[in-house]
Structures are given as C-alpha cells and as structure tokens.
Amino acid sequence: MSQVWVSRCGIRTATGDDKSGCAARIAAHLLLMGVHRARLLGYGRKDLVRLLDATGIE
C-alpha cells in the first residue's frame, strides 16, 4: 500500500506525480505564461512551435 500525502497542488502518492499532479500543473502554467509573454513581444504560434522543435523535446 502506497503512502498518500498532501501538497500545495492536492493529494499525491509517495511514488511521485502523475499526469495531473503538481509538476504537471507547474509545467502547464509555465507554458501558458511563456505563450502570453511571447504574444506581448510579437511572436506567433509558428515561432513558438519552431522554438519547441529546436529544443529537441520529444
């Protein structure tokens, strides 16, 4: 039986985050914040996709 503990983002198991856990929420927030700032600087969707492709993330 795995241990359950509470973090700032909700309840997680001791084995780590799942796809809707705290780390996923942080990653989604950072992505959305980056998109917002890029729009303010005049970058479009194609520019952001090119940037993500250039990082090599699969």
PDB file of N, CA and C in Angstrom:
ATOM      1  N   MET A   1       0.847  -1.184   0.000  1.00  0.00           N
ATOM      2  CA  MET A   1       0.000   0.000   0.000  1.00  0.00           C
ATOM      3  C   MET A   1       0.890   1.245   0.000  1.00  0.00           C
ATOM      4  N   SER A   2       0.630   2.149  -0.926  1.00  0.00           N
ATOM      5  CA  SER A   2       1.459   3.352  -1.012  1.00  0.00           C
ATOM      6  C   SER A   2       0.968   4.413  -0.034  1.00  0.00           C
ATOM      7  N   GLN A   3       1.890   5.233   0.385  1.00  0.00           N
ATOM      8  CA  GLN A   3       1.544   6.324   1.285  1.00  0.00           C
ATOM      9  C   GLN A   3       0.921   7.459   0.497  1.00  0.00           C
ATOM     10  N   VAL A   4       0.015   8.183   1.123  1.00  0.00           N
ATOM     11  CA  VAL A   4      -0.596   9.341   0.491  1.00  0.00           C
ATOM     12  C   VAL A   4      -0.267  10.553   1.336  1.00  0.00           C
ATOM     13  N   TRP A   5       0.125  11.645   0.674  1.00  0.00           N
ATOM     14  CA  TRP A   5       0.426  12.868   1.391  1.00  0.00           C
ATOM     15  C   TRP A   5      -0.121  14.048   0.619  1.00  0.00           C
ATOM     16  N   VAL A   6      -0.265  15.169   1.273  1.00  0.00           N
ATOM     17  CA  VAL A   6      -0.901  16.343   0.676  1.00  0.00           C
ATOM     18  C   VAL A   6       0.157  17.390   0.363  1.00  0.00           C
ATOM     19  N   SER A   7       0.088  17.934  -0.840  1.00  0.00           N
ATOM     20  CA  SER A   7       0.975  19.025  -1.231  1.00  0.00           C
ATOM     21  C   SER A   7       0.134  20.261  -1.508  1.00  0.00           C
ATOM     22  N   ARG A   8       0.779  21.331  -1.960  1.00  0.00           N
ATOM     23  CA  ARG A   8       0.046  22.563  -2.280  1.00  0.00           C
ATOM     24  C   ARG A   8      -0.940  22.348  -3.419  1.00  0.00           C
ATOM     25  N   CYS A   9      -0.651  21.411  -4.319  1.00  0.00           N
ATOM     26  CA  CYS A   9      -1.484  21.209  -5.514  1.00  0.00           C
ATOM     27  C   CYS A   9      -2.556  20.143  -5.323  1.00  0.00           C
ATOM     28  N   GLY A  10      -2.598  19.497  -4.203  1.00  0.00           N
ATOM     29  CA  GLY A  10      -3.606  18.457  -3.992  1.00  0.00           C
ATOM     30  C   GLY A  10      -2.992  17.217  -3.385  1.00  0.00           C
ATOM     31  N   ILE A  11      -3.689  16.131  -3.472  1.00  0.00           N
ATOM     32  CA  ILE A  11      -3.246  14.871  -2.875  1.00  0.00           C
ATOM     33  C   ILE A  11      -2.474  14.067  -3.910  1.00  0.00           C
ATOM     34  N   ARG A  12      -1.302  13.567  -3.509  1.00  0.00           N
ATOM     35  CA  ARG A  12      -0.482  12.738  -4.397  1.00  0.00           C
ATOM     36  C   ARG A  12      -0.036  11.505  -3.633  1.00  0.00           C
ATOM     37  N   THR A  13       0.415  10.501  -4.363  1.00  0.00           N
ATOM     38  CA  THR A  13       1.000   9.342  -3.706  1.00  0.00           C
ATOM     39  C   THR A  13       2.482   9.594  -3.493  1.00  0.00           C
ATOM     40  N   ALA A  14       3.101   8.810  -2.631  1.00  0.00           N
ATOM     41  CA  ALA A  14       4.513   8.988  -2.328  1.00  0.00           C
ATOM     42  C   ALA A  14       5.404   8.581  -3.497  1.00  0.00           C
ATOM     43  N   THR A  15       4.830   7.894  -4.495  1.00  0.00           N
ATOM     44  CA  THR A  15       5.632   7.444  -5.634  1.00  0.00           C
ATOM     45  C   THR A  15       5.912   8.561  -6.623  1.00  0.00           C
ATOM     46  N   GLY A  16       5.245   9.704  -6.516  1.00  0.00           N
ATOM     47  CA  GLY A  16       5.530  10.829  -7.392  1.00  0.00           C
ATOM     48  C   GLY A  16       4.299  11.341  -8.109  1.00  0.00           C
ATOM     49  N   ASP A  17       4.535  12.290  -9.011  1.00  0.00           N
ATOM     50  CA  ASP A  17       3.441  12.923  -9.746  1.00  0.00           C
ATOM     51  C   ASP A  17       2.906  12.023 -10.835  1.00  0.00           C
ATOM     52  N   ASP A  18       1.650  12.188 -11.138  1.00  0.00           N
ATOM     53  CA  ASP A  18       1.084  11.581 -12.329  1.00  0.00           C
ATOM     54  C   ASP A  18       0.848  12.691 -13.344  1.00  0.00           C
ATOM     55  N   LYS A  19       0.113  12.406 -14.410  1.00  0.00           N
ATOM     56  CA  LYS A  19      -0.066  13.395 -15.471  1.00  0.00           C
ATOM     57  C   LYS A  19      -0.890  14.596 -15.038  1.00  0.00           C
ATOM     58  N   SER A  20      -1.601  14.516 -13.936  1.00  0.00           N
ATOM     59  CA  SER A  20      -2.389  15.661 -13.474  1.00  0.00           C
ATOM     60  C   SER A  20      -1.909  16.145 -12.103  1.00  0.00           C
ATOM     61  N   GLY A  21      -0.683  15.810 -11.754  1.00  0.00           N
ATOM     62  CA  GLY A  21      -0.145  16.183 -10.450  1.00  0.00           C
ATOM     63  C   GLY A  21       0.420  17.590 -10.418  1.00  0.00           C
ATOM     64  N   CYS A  22       1.083  17.885  -9.336  1.00  0.00           N
ATOM     65  CA  CYS A  22       1.623  19.224  -9.099  1.00  0.00           C
ATOM     66  C   CYS A  22       2.640  19.614 -10.166  1.00  0.00           C
ATOM     67  N   ALA A  23       3.529  18.706 -10.530  1.00  0.00           N
ATOM     68  CA  ALA A  23       4.539  19.033 -11.543  1.00  0.00           C
ATOM     69  C   ALA A  23       3.887  19.326 -12.892  1.00  0.00           C
ATOM     70  N   ALA A  24       2.835  18.591 -13.218  1.00  0.00           N
ATOM     71  CA  ALA A  24       2.125  18.836 -14.488  1.00  0.00           C
ATOM     72  C   ALA A  24       1.457  20.202 -14.476  1.00  0.00           C
ATOM     73  N   ARG A  25       0.906  20.586 -13.349  1.00  0.00           N
ATOM     74  CA  ARG A  25       0.272  21.906 -13.244  1.00  0.00           C
ATOM     75  C   ARG A  25       1.298  23.022 -13.374  1.00  0.00           C
ATOM     76  N   ILE A  26       2.455  22.825 -12.783  1.00  0.00           N
ATOM     77  CA  ILE A  26       3.520  23.828 -12.875  1.00  0.00           C
ATOM     78  C   ILE A  26       4.002  23.945 -14.315  1.00  0.00           C
ATOM     79  N   ALA A  27       4.215  22.809 -14.981  1.00  0.00           N
ATOM     80  CA  ALA A  27       4.670  22.824 -16.375  1.00  0.00           C
ATOM     81  C   ALA A  27       3.648  23.509 -17.274  1.00  0.00           C
ATOM     82  N   ALA A  28       2.368  23.219 -17.066  1.00  0.00           N
ATOM     83  CA  ALA A  28       1.316  23.853 -17.876  1.00  0.00           C
ATOM     84  C   ALA A  28       1.284  25.359 -17.635  1.00  0.00           C
ATOM     85  N   HIS A  29       1.440  25.762 -16.385  1.00  0.00           N
ATOM     86  CA  HIS A  29       1.437  27.189 -16.064  1.00  0.00           C
ATOM     87  C   HIS A  29       2.614  27.900 -16.735  1.00  0.00           C
ATOM     88  N   LEU A  30       3.792  27.291 -16.674  1.00  0.00           N
ATOM     89  CA  LEU A  30       4.966  27.894 -17.302  1.00  0.00           C
ATOM     90  C   LEU A  30       4.796  27.998 -18.814  1.00  0.00           C
ATOM     91  N   LEU A  31       4.215  26.978 -19.426  1.00  0.00           N
ATOM     92  CA  LEU A  31       3.985  27.017 -20.870  1.00  0.00           C
ATOM     93  C   LEU A  31       3.019  28.130 -21.242  1.00  0.00           C
ATOM     94  N   LEU A  32       1.912  28.229 -20.515  1.00  0.00           N
ATOM     95  CA  LEU A  32       0.931  29.269 -20.810  1.00  0.00           C
ATOM     96  C   LEU A  32       1.486  30.666 -20.553  1.00  0.00           C
ATOM     97  N   MET A  33       2.286  30.806 -19.509  1.00  0.00           N
ATOM     98  CA  MET A  33       2.903  32.093 -19.208  1.00  0.00           C
ATOM     99  C   MET A  33       3.886  32.481 -20.317  1.00  0.00           C
ATOM    100  N   GLY A  34       4.631  31.500 -20.822  1.00  0.00           N
ATOM    101  CA  GLY A  34       5.556  31.766 -21.921  1.00  0.00           C
ATOM    102  C   GLY A  34       4.837  32.176 -23.191  1.00  0.00           C
ATOM    103  N   VAL A  35       3.708  31.523 -23.470  1.00  0.00           N
ATOM    104  CA  VAL A  35       2.914  31.883 -24.647  1.00  0.00           C
ATOM    105  C   VAL A  35       2.391  33.311 -24.517  1.00  0.00           C
ATOM    106  N   HIS A  36       1.909  33.655 -23.347  1.00  0.00           N
ATOM    107  CA  HIS A  36       1.385  35.011 -23.122  1.00  0.00           C
ATOM    108  C   HIS A  36       2.476  36.064 -23.340  1.00  0.00           C
ATOM    109  N   ARG A  37       3.633  35.827 -22.758  1.00  0.00           N
ATOM    110  CA  ARG A  37       4.732  36.785 -22.900  1.00  0.00           C
ATOM    111  C   ARG A  37       5.230  36.873 -24.338  1.00  0.00           C
ATOM    112  N   ALA A  38       5.252  35.733 -25.032  1.00  0.00           N
ATOM    113  CA  ALA A  38       5.680  35.736 -26.428  1.00  0.00           C
ATOM    114  C   ALA A  38       4.728  36.568 -27.283  1.00  0.00           C
ATOM    115  N   ARG A  39       3.436  36.458 -27.013  1.00  0.00           N
ATOM    116  CA  ARG A  39       2.461  37.260 -27.762  1.00  0.00           C
ATOM    117  C   ARG A  39       2.675  38.743 -27.519  1.00  0.00           C
ATOM    118  N   LEU A  40       2.984  39.094 -26.266  1.00  0.00           N
ATOM    119  CA  LEU A  40       3.240  40.502 -25.962  1.00  0.00           C
ATOM    120  C   LEU A  40       4.464  41.032 -26.713  1.00  0.00           C
ATOM    121  N   LEU A  41       5.416  40.152 -26.974  1.00  0.00           N
ATOM    122  CA  LEU A  41       6.638  40.545 -27.677  1.00  0.00           C
ATOM    123  C   LEU A  41       6.496  40.438 -29.193  1.00  0.00           C
ATOM    124  N   GLY A  42       5.334  39.977 -29.669  1.00  0.00           N
ATOM    125  CA  GLY A  42       5.091  39.934 -31.103  1.00  0.00           C
ATOM    126  C   GLY A  42       5.376  38.605 -31.774  1.00  0.00           C
ATOM    127  N   TYR A  43       5.665  37.561 -31.002  1.00  0.00           N
ATOM    128  CA  TYR A  43       5.907  36.249 -31.592  1.00  0.00           C
ATOM    129  C   TYR A  43       4.578  35.532 -31.797  1.00  0.00           C
ATOM    130  N   GLY A  44       4.500  34.731 -32.837  1.00  0.00           N
ATOM    131  CA  GLY A  44       3.281  33.993 -33.140  1.00  0.00           C
ATOM    132  C   GLY A  44       3.411  32.509 -32.813  1.00  0.00           C
ATOM    133  N   ARG A  45       2.370  31.780 -33.144  1.00  0.00           N
ATOM    134  CA  ARG A  45       2.317  30.350 -32.875  1.00  0.00           C
ATOM    135  C   ARG A  45       3.428  29.596 -33.601  1.00  0.00           C
ATOM    136  N   LYS A  46       3.673  29.949 -34.848  1.00  0.00           N
ATOM    137  CA  LYS A  46       4.718  29.274 -35.632  1.00  0.00           C
ATOM    138  C   LYS A  46       6.100  29.482 -35.009  1.00  0.00           C
ATOM    139  N   ASP A  47       6.336  30.673 -34.486  1.00  0.00           N
ATOM    140  CA  ASP A  47       7.619  30.940 -33.829  1.00  0.00           C
ATOM    141  C   ASP A  47       7.795  30.063 -32.593  1.00  0.00           C
ATOM    142  N   LEU A  48       6.735  29.914 -31.816  1.00  0.00           N
ATOM    143  CA  LEU A  48       6.819  29.104 -30.605  1.00  0.00           C
ATOM    144  C   LEU A  48       6.997  27.626 -30.929  1.00  0.00           C
ATOM    145  N   VAL A  49       6.311  27.155 -31.966  1.00  0.00           N
ATOM    146  CA  VAL A  49       6.466  25.758 -32.373  1.00  0.00           C
ATOM    147  C   VAL A  49       7.891  25.516 -32.862  1.00  0.00           C
ATOM    148  N   ARG A  50       8.449  26.458 -33.632  1.00  0.00           N
ATOM    149  CA  ARG A  50       9.840  26.338 -34.081  1.00  0.00           C
ATOM    150  C   ARG A  50      10.799  26.292 -32.901  1.00  0.00           C
ATOM    151  N   LEU A  51      10.540  27.101 -31.882  1.00  0.00           N
ATOM    152  CA  LEU A  51      11.385  27.104 -30.687  1.00  0.00           C
ATOM    153  C   LEU A  51      11.327  25.754 -29.978  1.00  0.00           C
ATOM    154  N   LEU A  52      10.122  25.209 -29.812  1.00  0.00           N
ATOM    155  CA  LEU A  52      10.000  23.899 -29.165  1.00  0.00           C
ATOM    156  C   LEU A  52      10.677  22.809 -29.985  1.00  0.00           C
ATOM    157  N   ASP A  53      10.535  22.859 -31.299  1.00  0.00           N
ATOM    158  CA  ASP A  53      11.200  21.885 -32.161  1.00  0.00           C
ATOM    159  C   ASP A  53      12.711  21.984 -32.043  1.00  0.00           C
ATOM    160  N   ALA A  54      13.228  23.192 -31.920  1.00  0.00           N
ATOM    161  CA  ALA A  54      14.675  23.395 -31.830  1.00  0.00           C
ATOM    162  C   ALA A  54      15.260  22.842 -30.529  1.00  0.00           C
ATOM    163  N   THR A  55      14.433  22.717 -29.494  1.00  0.00           N
ATOM    164  CA  THR A  55      14.938  22.197 -28.223  1.00  0.00           C
ATOM    165  C   THR A  55      15.170  20.695 -28.274  1.00  0.00           C
ATOM    166  N   GLY A  56      14.525  20.016 -29.232  1.00  0.00           N
ATOM    167  CA  GLY A  56      14.704  18.570 -29.350  1.00  0.00           C
ATOM    168  C   GLY A  56      13.825  17.757 -28.423  1.00  0.00           C
ATOM    169  N   ILE A  57      12.865  18.398 -27.789  1.00  0.00           N
ATOM    170  CA  ILE A  57      11.963  17.685 -26.880  1.00  0.00           C
ATOM    171  C   ILE A  57      11.051  16.783 -27.692  1.00  0.00           C
ATOM    172  N   GLU A  58      10.936  15.546 -27.276  1.00  0.00           N
ATOM    173  CA  GLU A  58      10.071  14.580 -27.972  1.00  0.00           C
ATOM    174  C   GLU A  58       8.797  14.372 -27.213  1.00  0.00           C
TER     175      GLU A  58
END
